[in-house]
Amino acid sequence: MSHAHEVEASGIEARIDPGVVIERFPGPACLVNANRQPIVTNSLWLNLGLAGPGRNVCLPTEIAASLLALSHTGRPQRLSLMVSGLESGSALSLDIICLPCDFDGGEGALMLATDRSATELVQAALAEGRDFHRGLALCSGDATFELDQSGRFAYVGPTGFLGHADFELHGRDIRELVAPKSQNTSEFILTSREAVSDTELWFTAQSGEEQCFILSTMPFYGPDGTWRGLRGIGREITGQRTLEAEIRRARLAQQRADSVLHAMRNEARPSMMLAACAAILLESVDIAACVVVHAGEDGFDRVEAFAAADDGNDVQPGLVADRPRLLDLCTQVCRQSDGALRMGEVDDRALMIAPTRYAGRINGAVGFLRELDAFAADDERVWSEDDRHLLRTVAGQVSVAIAQLDLFERPTIAEAP
């Protein structure tokens, strides 16, 4: 019934019987004549409800258009077609190729179809699963990444990492981004052959600021069981850690202030209160000395209490010998002061003083002295916010003790025989 189609390639003639091809083809197949009428089909083609011999059914428009293009160009045509199976009733996706073929001395076409429904379902499921897990990863953390065996980024999530775009980090070693404080911990995490959960690491962002992340990582292996790297997800907690650190500093500063006030309340005489204040402040803060000075109508006139660190540098004798200079400096600084903290220098040491006020006037000051060698006289580096807070806190109690000293203790001493 059907004749062979002769194919010449490299001098070799091959004769193919289209009828045999249709019979043995694992998918739907059909042979049509020059008028695009089906002549031979297999059962799989007929099960799709498509046109066949003796059927009063036309070929779908897509197939007819491809056959027309084949007759004009003589080149194989390929198309995709959605049909409904008669048996299953579900829509099937076919990939059909149309090949030129000689038939009874005339031209025809051989159509071979492949069912791509299962493949497309798998591809759709994979795409849906990928989107699902990608969405979960983006909701669960601020950064997602994959590292190879050497610790270099093989994948970075679309949100990037540490201010870097995803493409900027491909091939870069993650160790370059780890902050010095987390170097030891990071080496364990980034080379672990086991899953790691909720581990804190500090990184250096593109801006130069340090950021803290809670990381969870999972190793992955190749088909041969070889460790290939790890995948990780991170959640930034820099703000939380910064807030916790500020709370700890505030609590510590309050504890220091409470210890000073407690020591002062345990003393009955105002002069001993001031001495206890200077001693406790020296123990509580990393300073070279603490000084409490008295102010009269003409300015600062005497040192009421002084405590210095026993560092072998004769700090206290030097300052006592230079007491007029210290008092003059306090006077000059406090004249320019509106009650706020003031800074200066005495004997190559930084001085920070807080004027004390009682009954609307300055009656003294309490101050810290610290070595300048490591700070190059930079006030912002010499004195921390904790130092400033502590000095402000104790200044109020010191002002009361100085007033009590003037009102009660010193007059009593003067009247004694």
Foldseek 3Di string as FASTA:
>chain_A
DWFFFWDDDPNDTDTDGLQVCQAPAPAWKFKAFPVRATDDTDVRVVQQVAHHPPDPHHHDPVVVVQSVVCVVPVDKDWDWDWTAGNVPRDIWIKIKIWHWTQTPNGIIIMIDIDTCRVVVVVVVVVVVVVVVVLVVLVVVAQWKFWAWQQQATCFIDCNGPLPDGGVVRHRPHCLVFFDPVCNVVVVCVFNDQAWDFQDWTWTQGPVRDIWIKGKTKGWDADPVRHTTGIIMGIHTCRVVVVVVVVVVLVVLLVVLLVVLVVQLVVDDALLSNVQSNFVSVVVSDVFQKKWKFWADPVFTDGTSYIDGDPPVPPVVVVCVVVVVVVRVVRRVQVVPDPQAWDWDDDPQWIKIKGFADDPHHGTIIMITTHHCVVPVPDVPVVDDPSNRVNRVSCSHVNNVSSVCCVPPVVVVVVPDD
